[in-house]
Amino acid sequence: MAEAETSIHLSPAAAAELIEGGADTIDVRTDSEWEAGRLEGARHVEVNELTANAESIARDEPVLFYCRSGNRSGMAADAFRQAGWNAFHIDGGLVAWVEMGLPIVPEDGTVTSQVPR
């Protein structure tokens, strides 16, 4: 996967390949966004909790972050890459994933806007 070797920004198709290869997939969105729809097999760690949970993320395996549009996950992937992780994110986020026709769970799940708390 040449794209993964050169950039933290992965297309939904390249991200799907990374997930199939066993990447740790982390949803950095809010609780309400997570409940509305998510990638199957993903873990939920809100972006503000990533630093406190960094030790739960393996450094020797690829990690894929995602959010609604790619902004929060892009910042997370960049920070983790700079700290030594093999980190990536879905360019365009879950919106781009769904637009490509890729599945989310639950089957009737949706991609919602971030809701202020």
PDB file of N, CA and C in Angstrom:
ATOM      1  N   MET A   1       0.847  -1.178   0.000  1.00  0.00           N
ATOM      2  CA  MET A   1       0.000   0.000   0.000  1.00  0.00           C
ATOM      3  C   MET A   1       0.890   1.239   0.000  1.00  0.00           C
ATOM      4  N   ALA A   2       1.231   1.722  -1.168  1.00  0.00           N
ATOM      5  CA  ALA A   2       2.148   2.849  -1.296  1.00  0.00           C
ATOM      6  C   ALA A   2       1.608   4.098  -0.631  1.00  0.00           C
ATOM      7  N   GLU A   3       0.303   4.327  -0.702  1.00  0.00           N
ATOM      8  CA  GLU A   3      -0.288   5.526  -0.105  1.00  0.00           C
ATOM      9  C   GLU A   3      -0.008   5.591   1.391  1.00  0.00           C
ATOM     10  N   ALA A   4      -0.129   4.476   2.088  1.00  0.00           N
ATOM     11  CA  ALA A   4       0.077   4.442   3.531  1.00  0.00           C
ATOM     12  C   ALA A   4       1.531   4.711   3.896  1.00  0.00           C
ATOM     13  N   GLU A   5       2.433   4.391   2.999  1.00  0.00           N
ATOM     14  CA  GLU A   5       3.841   4.571   3.298  1.00  0.00           C
ATOM     15  C   GLU A   5       4.271   6.036   3.234  1.00  0.00           C
ATOM     16  N   THR A   6       3.530   6.877   2.527  1.00  0.00           N
ATOM     17  CA  THR A   6       3.959   8.245   2.309  1.00  0.00           C
ATOM     18  C   THR A   6       3.103   9.295   2.994  1.00  0.00           C
ATOM     19  N   SER A   7       1.915   8.961   3.463  1.00  0.00           N
ATOM     20  CA  SER A   7       1.007   9.968   3.977  1.00  0.00           C
ATOM     21  C   SER A   7       0.186   9.434   5.144  1.00  0.00           C
ATOM     22  N   ILE A   8      -0.159  10.317   6.067  1.00  0.00           N
ATOM     23  CA  ILE A   8      -1.069   9.922   7.142  1.00  0.00           C
ATOM     24  C   ILE A   8      -2.511   9.970   6.662  1.00  0.00           C
ATOM     25  N   HIS A   9      -2.761  10.640   5.526  1.00  0.00           N
ATOM     26  CA  HIS A   9      -4.110  10.831   4.991  1.00  0.00           C
ATOM     27  C   HIS A   9      -4.444   9.690   4.038  1.00  0.00           C
ATOM     28  N   LEU A  10      -5.370   8.829   4.438  1.00  0.00           N
ATOM     29  CA  LEU A  10      -5.741   7.691   3.596  1.00  0.00           C
ATOM     30  C   LEU A  10      -7.131   7.877   3.015  1.00  0.00           C
ATOM     31  N   SER A  11      -7.283   7.491   1.767  1.00  0.00           N
ATOM     32  CA  SER A  11      -8.611   7.463   1.164  1.00  0.00           C
ATOM     33  C   SER A  11      -9.433   6.415   1.909  1.00  0.00           C
ATOM     34  N   PRO A  12     -10.764   6.481   1.826  1.00  0.00           N
ATOM     35  CA  PRO A  12     -11.565   5.438   2.464  1.00  0.00           C
ATOM     36  C   PRO A  12     -11.183   4.027   1.999  1.00  0.00           C
ATOM     37  N   ALA A  13     -10.900   3.863   0.711  1.00  0.00           N
ATOM     38  CA  ALA A  13     -10.526   2.540   0.202  1.00  0.00           C
ATOM     39  C   ALA A  13      -9.216   2.056   0.816  1.00  0.00           C
ATOM     40  N   ALA A  14      -8.221   2.937   0.907  1.00  0.00           N
ATOM     41  CA  ALA A  14      -6.943   2.560   1.516  1.00  0.00           C
ATOM     42  C   ALA A  14      -7.113   2.298   3.008  1.00  0.00           C
ATOM     43  N   ALA A  15      -7.973   3.079   3.658  1.00  0.00           N
ATOM     44  CA  ALA A  15      -8.247   2.860   5.085  1.00  0.00           C
ATOM     45  C   ALA A  15      -8.913   1.501   5.294  1.00  0.00           C
ATOM     46  N   ALA A  16      -9.820   1.129   4.403  1.00  0.00           N
ATOM     47  CA  ALA A  16     -10.482  -0.175   4.506  1.00  0.00           C
ATOM     48  C   ALA A  16      -9.457  -1.300   4.408  1.00  0.00           C
ATOM     49  N   GLU A  17      -8.470  -1.146   3.530  1.00  0.00           N
ATOM     50  CA  GLU A  17      -7.392  -2.144   3.411  1.00  0.00           C
ATOM     51  C   GLU A  17      -6.591  -2.226   4.704  1.00  0.00           C
ATOM     52  N   LEU A  18      -6.314  -1.073   5.290  1.00  0.00           N
ATOM     53  CA  LEU A  18      -5.557  -1.038   6.541  1.00  0.00           C
ATOM     54  C   LEU A  18      -6.334  -1.736   7.660  1.00  0.00           C
ATOM     55  N   ILE A  19      -7.632  -1.483   7.717  1.00  0.00           N
ATOM     56  CA  ILE A  19      -8.491  -2.124   8.723  1.00  0.00           C
ATOM     57  C   ILE A  19      -8.490  -3.636   8.511  1.00  0.00           C
ATOM     58  N   GLU A  20      -8.641  -4.057   7.257  1.00  0.00           N
ATOM     59  CA  GLU A  20      -8.627  -5.498   6.951  1.00  0.00           C
ATOM     60  C   GLU A  20      -7.305  -6.129   7.360  1.00  0.00           C
ATOM     61  N   GLY A  21      -6.242  -5.359   7.335  1.00  0.00           N
ATOM     62  CA  GLY A  21      -4.926  -5.846   7.734  1.00  0.00           C
ATOM     63  C   GLY A  21      -4.717  -5.865   9.240  1.00  0.00           C
ATOM     64  N   GLY A  22      -5.718  -5.440  10.008  1.00  0.00           N
ATOM     65  CA  GLY A  22      -5.640  -5.529  11.461  1.00  0.00           C
ATOM     66  C   GLY A  22      -5.277  -4.254  12.192  1.00  0.00           C
ATOM     67  N   ALA A  23      -5.349  -3.105  11.521  1.00  0.00           N
ATOM     68  CA  ALA A  23      -5.014  -1.841  12.192  1.00  0.00           C
ATOM     69  C   ALA A  23      -5.953  -1.590  13.369  1.00  0.00           C
ATOM     70  N   ASP A  24      -5.413  -1.027  14.422  1.00  0.00           N
ATOM     71  CA  ASP A  24      -6.208  -0.567  15.553  1.00  0.00           C
ATOM     72  C   ASP A  24      -6.983   0.640  15.061  1.00  0.00           C
ATOM     73  N   THR A  25      -8.303   0.559  15.073  1.00  0.00           N
ATOM     74  CA  THR A  25      -9.149   1.619  14.524  1.00  0.00           C
ATOM     75  C   THR A  25      -9.817   2.361  15.668  1.00  0.00           C
ATOM     76  N   ILE A  26      -9.617   3.684  15.714  1.00  0.00           N
ATOM     77  CA  ILE A  26     -10.090   4.475  16.846  1.00  0.00           C
ATOM     78  C   ILE A  26     -10.952   5.630  16.367  1.00  0.00           C
ATOM     79  N   ASP A  27     -12.173   5.643  16.860  1.00  0.00           N
ATOM     80  CA  ASP A  27     -13.144   6.706  16.596  1.00  0.00           C
ATOM     81  C   ASP A  27     -12.942   7.788  17.646  1.00  0.00           C
ATOM     82  N   VAL A  28     -12.601   9.005  17.222  1.00  0.00           N
ATOM     83  CA  VAL A  28     -12.286  10.082  18.163  1.00  0.00           C
ATOM     84  C   VAL A  28     -13.454  11.052  18.360  1.00  0.00           C
ATOM     85  N   ARG A  29     -14.640  10.673  17.906  1.00  0.00           N
ATOM     86  CA  ARG A  29     -15.798  11.566  17.982  1.00  0.00           C
ATOM     87  C   ARG A  29     -16.456  11.526  19.365  1.00  0.00           C
ATOM     88  N   THR A  30     -17.488  12.338  19.514  1.00  0.00           N
ATOM     89  CA  THR A  30     -18.232  12.398  20.770  1.00  0.00           C
ATOM     90  C   THR A  30     -19.088  11.156  20.958  1.00  0.00           C
ATOM     91  N   ASP A  31     -19.589  10.979  22.176  1.00  0.00           N
ATOM     92  CA  ASP A  31     -20.458   9.832  22.481  1.00  0.00           C
ATOM     93  C   ASP A  31     -21.667   9.777  21.553  1.00  0.00           C
ATOM     94  N   SER A  32     -22.325  10.912  21.332  1.00  0.00           N
ATOM     95  CA  SER A  32     -23.532  10.908  20.500  1.00  0.00           C
ATOM     96  C   SER A  32     -23.208  10.571  19.045  1.00  0.00           C
ATOM     97  N   GLU A  33     -22.085  11.032  18.549  1.00  0.00           N
ATOM     98  CA  GLU A  33     -21.669  10.687  17.187  1.00  0.00           C
ATOM     99  C   GLU A  33     -21.390   9.187  17.082  1.00  0.00           C
ATOM    100  N   TRP A  34     -20.695   8.641  18.075  1.00  0.00           N
ATOM    101  CA  TRP A  34     -20.361   7.214  18.132  1.00  0.00           C
ATOM    102  C   TRP A  34     -21.630   6.370  18.125  1.00  0.00           C
ATOM    103  N   GLU A  35     -22.601   6.752  18.938  1.00  0.00           N
ATOM    104  CA  GLU A  35     -23.846   5.989  19.035  1.00  0.00           C
ATOM    105  C   GLU A  35     -24.624   5.990  17.727  1.00  0.00           C
ATOM    106  N   ALA A  36     -24.540   7.083  16.963  1.00  0.00           N
ATOM    107  CA  ALA A  36     -25.309   7.206  15.725  1.00  0.00           C
ATOM    108  C   ALA A  36     -24.816   6.256  14.637  1.00  0.00           C
ATOM    109  N   GLY A  37     -23.519   6.035  14.568  1.00  0.00           N
ATOM    110  CA  GLY A  37     -22.955   5.161  13.548  1.00  0.00           C
ATOM    111  C   GLY A  37     -21.446   5.181  13.606  1.00  0.00           C
ATOM    112  N   ARG A  38     -20.826   4.029  13.348  1.00  0.00           N
ATOM    113  CA  ARG A  38     -19.375   3.894  13.494  1.00  0.00           C
ATOM    114  C   ARG A  38     -18.861   2.754  12.618  1.00  0.00           C
ATOM    115  N   LEU A  39     -17.555   2.635  12.533  1.00  0.00           N
ATOM    116  CA  LEU A  39     -16.945   1.524  11.805  1.00  0.00           C
ATOM    117  C   LEU A  39     -16.967   0.284  12.685  1.00  0.00           C
ATOM    118  N   GLU A  40     -17.312  -0.817  12.081  1.00  0.00           N
ATOM    119  CA  GLU A  40     -17.342  -2.080  12.824  1.00  0.00           C
ATOM    120  C   GLU A  40     -15.948  -2.406  13.342  1.00  0.00           C
ATOM    121  N   GLY A  41     -15.877  -2.776  14.619  1.00  0.00           N
ATOM    122  CA  GLY A  41     -14.612  -3.160  15.232  1.00  0.00           C
ATOM    123  C   GLY A  41     -13.804  -2.003  15.785  1.00  0.00           C
ATOM    124  N   ALA A  42     -14.275  -0.776  15.590  1.00  0.00           N
ATOM    125  CA  ALA A  42     -13.533   0.391  16.086  1.00  0.00           C
ATOM    126  C   ALA A  42     -13.665   0.509  17.601  1.00  0.00           C
ATOM    127  N   ARG A  43     -12.668   1.178  18.192  1.00  0.00           N
ATOM    128  CA  ARG A  43     -12.730   1.548  19.613  1.00  0.00           C
ATOM    129  C   ARG A  43     -13.122   3.014  19.687  1.00  0.00           C
ATOM    130  N   HIS A  44     -13.764   3.383  20.776  1.00  0.00           N
ATOM    131  CA  HIS A  44     -14.165   4.777  20.958  1.00  0.00           C
ATOM    132  C   HIS A  44     -13.295   5.425  22.019  1.00  0.00           C
ATOM    133  N   VAL A  45     -12.495   6.406  21.598  1.00  0.00           N
ATOM    134  CA  VAL A  45     -11.687   7.206  22.513  1.00  0.00           C
ATOM    135  C   VAL A  45     -11.823   8.645  22.021  1.00  0.00           C
ATOM    136  N   GLU A  46     -12.604   9.444  22.726  1.00  0.00           N
ATOM    137  CA  GLU A  46     -12.803  10.827  22.293  1.00  0.00           C
ATOM    138  C   GLU A  46     -11.470  11.545  22.165  1.00  0.00           C
ATOM    139  N   VAL A  47     -11.392  12.463  21.234  1.00  0.00           N
ATOM    140  CA  VAL A  47     -10.138  13.150  20.931  1.00  0.00           C
ATOM    141  C   VAL A  47      -9.514  13.765  22.184  1.00  0.00           C
ATOM    142  N   ASN A  48     -10.324  14.305  23.071  1.00  0.00           N
ATOM    143  CA  ASN A  48      -9.797  14.923  24.290  1.00  0.00           C
ATOM    144  C   ASN A  48      -9.253  13.906  25.294  1.00  0.00           C
ATOM    145  N   GLU A  49      -9.515  12.624  25.065  1.00  0.00           N
ATOM    146  CA  GLU A  49      -9.054  11.574  25.966  1.00  0.00           C
ATOM    147  C   GLU A  49      -7.892  10.765  25.396  1.00  0.00           C
ATOM    148  N   LEU A  50      -7.435  11.125  24.201  1.00  0.00           N
ATOM    149  CA  LEU A  50      -6.384  10.339  23.546  1.00  0.00           C
ATOM    150  C   LEU A  50      -5.084  10.320  24.328  1.00  0.00           C
ATOM    151  N   THR A  51      -4.653  11.452  24.821  1.00  0.00           N
ATOM    152  CA  THR A  51      -3.384  11.500  25.554  1.00  0.00           C
ATOM    153  C   THR A  51      -3.434  10.580  26.761  1.00  0.00           C
ATOM    154  N   ALA A  52      -4.522  10.624  27.502  1.00  0.00           N
ATOM    155  CA  ALA A  52      -4.658   9.786  28.699  1.00  0.00           C
ATOM    156  C   ALA A  52      -4.732   8.305  28.355  1.00  0.00           C
ATOM    157  N   ASN A  53      -5.148   7.979  27.128  1.00  0.00           N
ATOM    158  CA  ASN A  53      -5.287   6.585  26.709  1.00  0.00           C
ATOM    159  C   ASN A  53      -4.198   6.139  25.745  1.00  0.00           C
ATOM    160  N   ALA A  54      -3.166   6.935  25.559  1.00  0.00           N
ATOM    161  CA  ALA A  54      -2.126   6.618  24.582  1.00  0.00           C
ATOM    162  C   ALA A  54      -1.478   5.260  24.843  1.00  0.00           C
ATOM    163  N   GLU A  55      -1.301   4.902  26.096  1.00  0.00           N
ATOM    164  CA  GLU A  55      -0.651   3.620  26.415  1.00  0.00           C
ATOM    165  C   GLU A  55      -1.469   2.416  25.962  1.00  0.00           C
ATOM    166  N   SER A  56      -2.773   2.605  25.700  1.00  0.00           N
ATOM    167  CA  SER A  56      -3.607   1.493  25.237  1.00  0.00           C
ATOM    168  C   SER A  56      -3.499   1.290  23.725  1.00  0.00           C
ATOM    169  N   ILE A  57      -2.740   2.140  23.066  1.00  0.00           N
ATOM    170  CA  ILE A  57      -2.589   2.076  21.614  1.00  0.00           C
ATOM    171  C   ILE A  57      -1.196   1.534  21.290  1.00  0.00           C
ATOM    172  N   ALA A  58      -1.164   0.367  20.662  1.00  0.00           N
ATOM    173  CA  ALA A  58       0.108  -0.295  20.355  1.00  0.00           C
ATOM    174  C   ALA A  58       0.942   0.540  19.393  1.00  0.00           C
ATOM    175  N   ARG A  59       2.226   0.635  19.686  1.00  0.00           N
ATOM    176  CA  ARG A  59       3.142   1.375  18.810  1.00  0.00           C
ATOM    177  C   ARG A  59       3.650   0.516  17.657  1.00  0.00           C
ATOM    178  N   ASP A  60       3.563  -0.802  17.785  1.00  0.00           N
ATOM    179  CA  ASP A  60       4.140  -1.676  16.770  1.00  0.00           C
ATOM    180  C   ASP A  60       3.143  -2.110  15.698  1.00  0.00           C
ATOM    181  N   GLU A  61       1.927  -1.587  15.743  1.00  0.00           N
ATOM    182  CA  GLU A  61       0.898  -1.887  14.747  1.00  0.00           C
ATOM    183  C   GLU A  61       0.365  -0.569  14.201  1.00  0.00           C
ATOM    184  N   PRO A  62      -0.118  -0.561  12.965  1.00  0.00           N
ATOM    185  CA  PRO A  62      -0.732   0.661  12.448  1.00  0.00           C
ATOM    186  C   PRO A  62      -1.975   1.025  13.261  1.00  0.00           C
ATOM    187  N   VAL A  63      -2.186   2.323  13.426  1.00  0.00           N
ATOM    188  CA  VAL A  63      -3.387   2.813  14.094  1.00  0.00           C
ATOM    189  C   VAL A  63      -4.085   3.773  13.136  1.00  0.00           C
ATOM    190  N   LEU A  64      -5.401   3.605  13.013  1.00  0.00           N
ATOM    191  CA  LEU A  64      -6.202   4.429  12.125  1.00  0.00           C
ATOM    192  C   LEU A  64      -7.212   5.205  12.954  1.00  0.00           C
ATOM    193  N   PHE A  65      -7.113   6.526  12.920  1.00  0.00           N
ATOM    194  CA  PHE A  65      -8.056   7.392  13.611  1.00  0.00           C
ATOM    195  C   PHE A  65      -9.103   7.862  12.605  1.00  0.00           C
ATOM    196  N   TYR A  66     -10.321   8.065  13.082  1.00  0.00           N
ATOM    197  CA  TYR A  66     -11.323   8.683  12.214  1.00  0.00           C
ATOM    198  C   TYR A  66     -12.306   9.507  13.032  1.00  0.00           C
ATOM    199  N   CYS A  67     -12.916  10.473  12.338  1.00  0.00           N
ATOM    200  CA  CYS A  67     -13.958  11.322  12.910  1.00  0.00           C
ATOM    201  C   CYS A  67     -14.975  11.591  11.802  1.00  0.00           C
ATOM    202  N   ARG A  68     -15.794  12.590  11.967  1.00  0.00           N
ATOM    203  CA  ARG A  68     -16.830  12.882  10.983  1.00  0.00           C
ATOM    204  C   ARG A  68     -16.221  13.330   9.651  1.00  0.00           C
ATOM    205  N   SER A  69     -15.356  14.345   9.684  1.00  0.00           N
ATOM    206  CA  SER A  69     -14.871  14.935   8.431  1.00  0.00           C
ATOM    207  C   SER A  69     -13.362  14.802   8.215  1.00  0.00           C
ATOM    208  N   GLY A  70     -12.644  14.347   9.213  1.00  0.00           N
ATOM    209  CA  GLY A  70     -11.197  14.182   9.092  1.00  0.00           C
ATOM    210  C   GLY A  70     -10.385  15.225   9.823  1.00  0.00           C
ATOM    211  N   ASN A  71     -11.009  16.259  10.353  1.00  0.00           N
ATOM    212  CA  ASN A  71     -10.253  17.306  11.041  1.00  0.00           C
ATOM    213  C   ASN A  71      -9.673  16.815  12.366  1.00  0.00           C
ATOM    214  N   ARG A  72     -10.511  16.308  13.256  1.00  0.00           N
ATOM    215  CA  ARG A  72     -10.036  15.841  14.563  1.00  0.00           C
ATOM    216  C   ARG A  72      -9.099  14.652  14.410  1.00  0.00           C
ATOM    217  N   SER A  73      -9.466  13.719  13.534  1.00  0.00           N
ATOM    218  CA  SER A  73      -8.626  12.535  13.356  1.00  0.00           C
ATOM    219  C   SER A  73      -7.308  12.871  12.679  1.00  0.00           C
ATOM    220  N   GLY A  74      -7.303  13.871  11.812  1.00  0.00           N
ATOM    221  CA  GLY A  74      -6.060  14.298  11.179  1.00  0.00           C
ATOM    222  C   GLY A  74      -5.082  14.858  12.196  1.00  0.00           C
ATOM    223  N   MET A  75      -5.605  15.661  13.118  1.00  0.00           N
ATOM    224  CA  MET A  75      -4.744  16.202  14.179  1.00  0.00           C
ATOM    225  C   MET A  75      -4.224  15.075  15.065  1.00  0.00           C
ATOM    226  N   ALA A  76      -5.090  14.105  15.378  1.00  0.00           N
ATOM    227  CA  ALA A  76      -4.676  12.974  16.216  1.00  0.00           C
ATOM    228  C   ALA A  76      -3.600  12.155  15.512  1.00  0.00           C
ATOM    229  N   ALA A  77      -3.819  11.840  14.243  1.00  0.00           N
ATOM    230  CA  ALA A  77      -2.840  11.041  13.499  1.00  0.00           C
ATOM    231  C   ALA A  77      -1.505  11.767  13.403  1.00  0.00           C
ATOM    232  N   ASP A  78      -1.539  13.065  13.163  1.00  0.00           N
ATOM    233  CA  ASP A  78      -0.305  13.838  13.075  1.00  0.00           C
ATOM    234  C   ASP A  78       0.452  13.821  14.403  1.00  0.00           C
ATOM    235  N   ALA A  79      -0.262  14.053  15.499  1.00  0.00           N
ATOM    236  CA  ALA A  79       0.382  14.061  16.820  1.00  0.00           C
ATOM    237  C   ALA A  79       0.957  12.692  17.164  1.00  0.00           C
ATOM    238  N   PHE A  80       0.192  11.637  16.905  1.00  0.00           N
ATOM    239  CA  PHE A  80       0.679  10.296  17.226  1.00  0.00           C
ATOM    240  C   PHE A  80       1.833   9.911  16.306  1.00  0.00           C
ATOM    241  N   ARG A  81       1.795  10.294  15.048  1.00  0.00           N
ATOM    242  CA  ARG A  81       2.904  10.005  14.129  1.00  0.00           C
ATOM    243  C   ARG A  81       4.171  10.691  14.631  1.00  0.00           C
ATOM    244  N   GLN A  82       4.053  11.955  15.050  1.00  0.00           N
ATOM    245  CA  GLN A  82       5.221  12.686  15.556  1.00  0.00           C
ATOM    246  C   GLN A  82       5.768  12.062  16.843  1.00  0.00           C
ATOM    247  N   ALA A  83       4.904  11.378  17.600  1.00  0.00           N
ATOM    248  CA  ALA A  83       5.338  10.740  18.844  1.00  0.00           C
ATOM    249  C   ALA A  83       5.798   9.295  18.632  1.00  0.00           C
ATOM    250  N   GLY A  84       5.853   8.838  17.385  1.00  0.00           N
ATOM    251  CA  GLY A  84       6.431   7.535  17.105  1.00  0.00           C
ATOM    252  C   GLY A  84       5.473   6.431  16.713  1.00  0.00           C
ATOM    253  N   TRP A  85       4.184   6.699  16.651  1.00  0.00           N
ATOM    254  CA  TRP A  85       3.224   5.685  16.229  1.00  0.00           C
ATOM    255  C   TRP A  85       3.165   5.644  14.705  1.00  0.00           C
ATOM    256  N   ASN A  86       2.742   4.520  14.167  1.00  0.00           N
ATOM    257  CA  ASN A  86       2.489   4.353  12.741  1.00  0.00           C
ATOM    258  C   ASN A  86       1.021   4.735  12.521  1.00  0.00           C
ATOM    259  N   ALA A  87       0.737   6.038  12.559  1.00  0.00           N
ATOM    260  CA  ALA A  87      -0.632   6.547  12.625  1.00  0.00           C
ATOM    261  C   ALA A  87      -1.117   7.105  11.300  1.00  0.00           C
ATOM    262  N   PHE A  88      -2.420   6.900  11.059  1.00  0.00           N
ATOM    263  CA  PHE A  88      -3.087   7.351   9.841  1.00  0.00           C
ATOM    264  C   PHE A  88      -4.478   7.862  10.207  1.00  0.00           C
ATOM    265  N   HIS A  89      -5.139   8.490   9.229  1.00  0.00           N
ATOM    266  CA  HIS A  89      -6.539   8.847   9.406  1.00  0.00           C
ATOM    267  C   HIS A  89      -7.249   8.793   8.063  1.00  0.00           C
ATOM    268  N   ILE A  90      -8.578   8.726   8.113  1.00  0.00           N
ATOM    269  CA  ILE A  90      -9.370   8.671   6.886  1.00  0.00           C
ATOM    270  C   ILE A  90      -9.565  10.102   6.385  1.00  0.00           C
ATOM    271  N   ASP A  91      -9.004  10.397   5.239  1.00  0.00           N
ATOM    272  CA  ASP A  91      -9.162  11.711   4.634  1.00  0.00           C
ATOM    273  C   ASP A  91     -10.638  11.889   4.264  1.00  0.00           C
ATOM    274  N   GLY A  92     -11.254  12.921   4.812  1.00  0.00           N
ATOM    275  CA  GLY A  92     -12.680  13.137   4.579  1.00  0.00           C
ATOM    276  C   GLY A  92     -13.555  12.479   5.621  1.00  0.00           C
ATOM    277  N   GLY A  93     -12.941  11.701   6.506  1.00  0.00           N
ATOM    278  CA  GLY A  93     -13.643  11.102   7.639  1.00  0.00           C
ATOM    279  C   GLY A  93     -14.745  10.126   7.273  1.00  0.00           C
ATOM    280  N   LEU A  94     -15.638   9.953   8.231  1.00  0.00           N
ATOM    281  CA  LEU A  94     -16.738   9.011   8.072  1.00  0.00           C
ATOM    282  C   LEU A  94     -17.685   9.462   6.966  1.00  0.00           C
ATOM    283  N   VAL A  95     -17.767  10.760   6.729  1.00  0.00           N
ATOM    284  CA  VAL A  95     -18.597  11.264   5.628  1.00  0.00           C
ATOM    285  C   VAL A  95     -18.097  10.684   4.309  1.00  0.00           C
ATOM    286  N   ALA A  96     -16.793  10.763   4.058  1.00  0.00           N
ATOM    287  CA  ALA A  96     -16.216  10.223   2.820  1.00  0.00           C
ATOM    288  C   ALA A  96     -16.372   8.709   2.760  1.00  0.00           C
ATOM    289  N   TRP A  97     -16.213   8.043   3.905  1.00  0.00           N
ATOM    290  CA  TRP A  97     -16.369   6.584   3.982  1.00  0.00           C
ATOM    291  C   TRP A  97     -17.755   6.177   3.497  1.00  0.00           C
ATOM    292  N   VAL A  98     -18.790   6.826   4.028  1.00  0.00           N
ATOM    293  CA  VAL A  98     -20.175   6.502   3.673  1.00  0.00           C
ATOM    294  C   VAL A  98     -20.463   6.883   2.220  1.00  0.00           C
ATOM    295  N   GLU A  99     -19.925   8.010   1.777  1.00  0.00           N
ATOM    296  CA  GLU A  99     -20.121   8.423   0.382  1.00  0.00           C
ATOM    297  C   GLU A  99     -19.536   7.412  -0.599  1.00  0.00           C
ATOM    298  N   MET A 100     -18.503   6.674  -0.176  1.00  0.00           N
ATOM    299  CA  MET A 100     -17.902   5.620  -1.019  1.00  0.00           C
ATOM    300  C   MET A 100     -18.722   4.324  -0.976  1.00  0.00           C
ATOM    301  N   GLY A 101     -19.782   4.315  -0.164  1.00  0.00           N
ATOM    302  CA  GLY A 101     -20.631   3.127  -0.074  1.00  0.00           C
ATOM    303  C   GLY A 101     -20.106   2.080   0.883  1.00  0.00           C
ATOM    304  N   LEU A 102     -19.156   2.451   1.732  1.00  0.00           N
ATOM    305  CA  LEU A 102     -18.600   1.509   2.697  1.00  0.00           C
ATOM    306  C   LEU A 102     -19.509   1.451   3.925  1.00  0.00           C
ATOM    307  N   PRO A 103     -19.545   0.302   4.604  1.00  0.00           N
ATOM    308  CA  PRO A 103     -20.534   0.094   5.672  1.00  0.00           C
ATOM    309  C   PRO A 103     -20.156   0.718   7.014  1.00  0.00           C
ATOM    310  N   ILE A 104     -21.197   1.059   7.766  1.00  0.00           N
ATOM    311  CA  ILE A 104     -21.055   1.439   9.163  1.00  0.00           C
ATOM    312  C   ILE A 104     -22.044   0.604   9.965  1.00  0.00           C
ATOM    313  N   VAL A 105     -21.852   0.577  11.270  1.00  0.00           N
ATOM    314  CA  VAL A 105     -22.778  -0.116  12.165  1.00  0.00           C
ATOM    315  C   VAL A 105     -23.343   0.901  13.145  1.00  0.00           C
ATOM    316  N   PRO A 106     -24.567   0.695  13.609  1.00  0.00           N
ATOM    317  CA  PRO A 106     -25.478  -0.360  13.191  1.00  0.00           C
ATOM    318  C   PRO A 106     -25.866  -0.195  11.721  1.00  0.00           C
ATOM    319  N   GLU A 107     -26.532  -1.197  11.185  1.00  0.00           N
ATOM    320  CA  GLU A 107     -26.885  -1.205   9.766  1.00  0.00           C
ATOM    321  C   GLU A 107     -27.655   0.049   9.356  1.00  0.00           C
ATOM    322  N   ASP A 108     -28.476   0.568  10.263  1.00  0.00           N
ATOM    323  CA  ASP A 108     -29.233   1.790   9.970  1.00  0.00           C
ATOM    324  C   ASP A 108     -28.546   3.032  10.545  1.00  0.00           C
ATOM    325  N   GLY A 109     -27.240   2.933  10.807  1.00  0.00           N
ATOM    326  CA  GLY A 109     -26.476   4.025  11.406  1.00  0.00           C
ATOM    327  C   GLY A 109     -26.391   5.234  10.485  1.00  0.00           C
ATOM    328  N   THR A 110     -26.091   6.354  11.099  1.00  0.00           N
ATOM    329  CA  THR A 110     -25.954   7.608  10.369  1.00  0.00           C
ATOM    330  C   THR A 110     -24.691   8.324  10.802  1.00  0.00           C
ATOM    331  N   VAL A 111     -24.288   9.295  10.021  1.00  0.00           N
ATOM    332  CA  VAL A 111     -23.170  10.157  10.372  1.00  0.00           C
ATOM    333  C   VAL A 111     -23.782  11.479  10.831  1.00  0.00           C
ATOM    334  N   THR A 112     -23.644  11.781  12.109  1.00  0.00           N
ATOM    335  CA  THR A 112     -24.242  12.990  12.652  1.00  0.00           C
ATOM    336  C   THR A 112     -23.195  14.080  12.830  1.00  0.00           C
ATOM    337  N   SER A 113     -23.682  15.290  12.989  1.00  0.00           N
ATOM    338  CA  SER A 113     -22.796  16.411  13.311  1.00  0.00           C
ATOM    339  C   SER A 113     -22.370  16.313  14.751  1.00  0.00           C
ATOM    340  N   GLN A 114     -21.227  16.902  15.028  1.00  0.00           N
ATOM    341  CA  GLN A 114     -20.760  16.953  16.418  1.00  0.00           C
ATOM    342  C   GLN A 114     -21.732  17.806  17.217  1.00  0.00           C
ATOM    343  N   VAL A 115     -22.166  17.296  18.344  1.00  0.00           N
ATOM    344  CA  VAL A 115     -23.106  17.996  19.200  1.00  0.00           C
ATOM    345  C   VAL A 115     -22.352  18.612  20.357  1.00  0.00           C
ATOM    346  N   PRO A 116     -22.464  19.933  20.554  1.00  0.00           N
ATOM    347  CA  PRO A 116     -21.771  20.561  21.681  1.00  0.00           C
ATOM    348  C   PRO A 116     -22.263  20.000  23.005  1.00  0.00           C
ATOM    349  N   ARG A 117     -21.343  19.936  23.969  1.00  0.00           N
ATOM    350  CA  ARG A 117     -21.732  19.423  25.287  1.00  0.00           C
ATOM    351  C   ARG A 117     -21.847  20.541  26.276  1.00  0.00           C
TER     352      ARG A 117
END
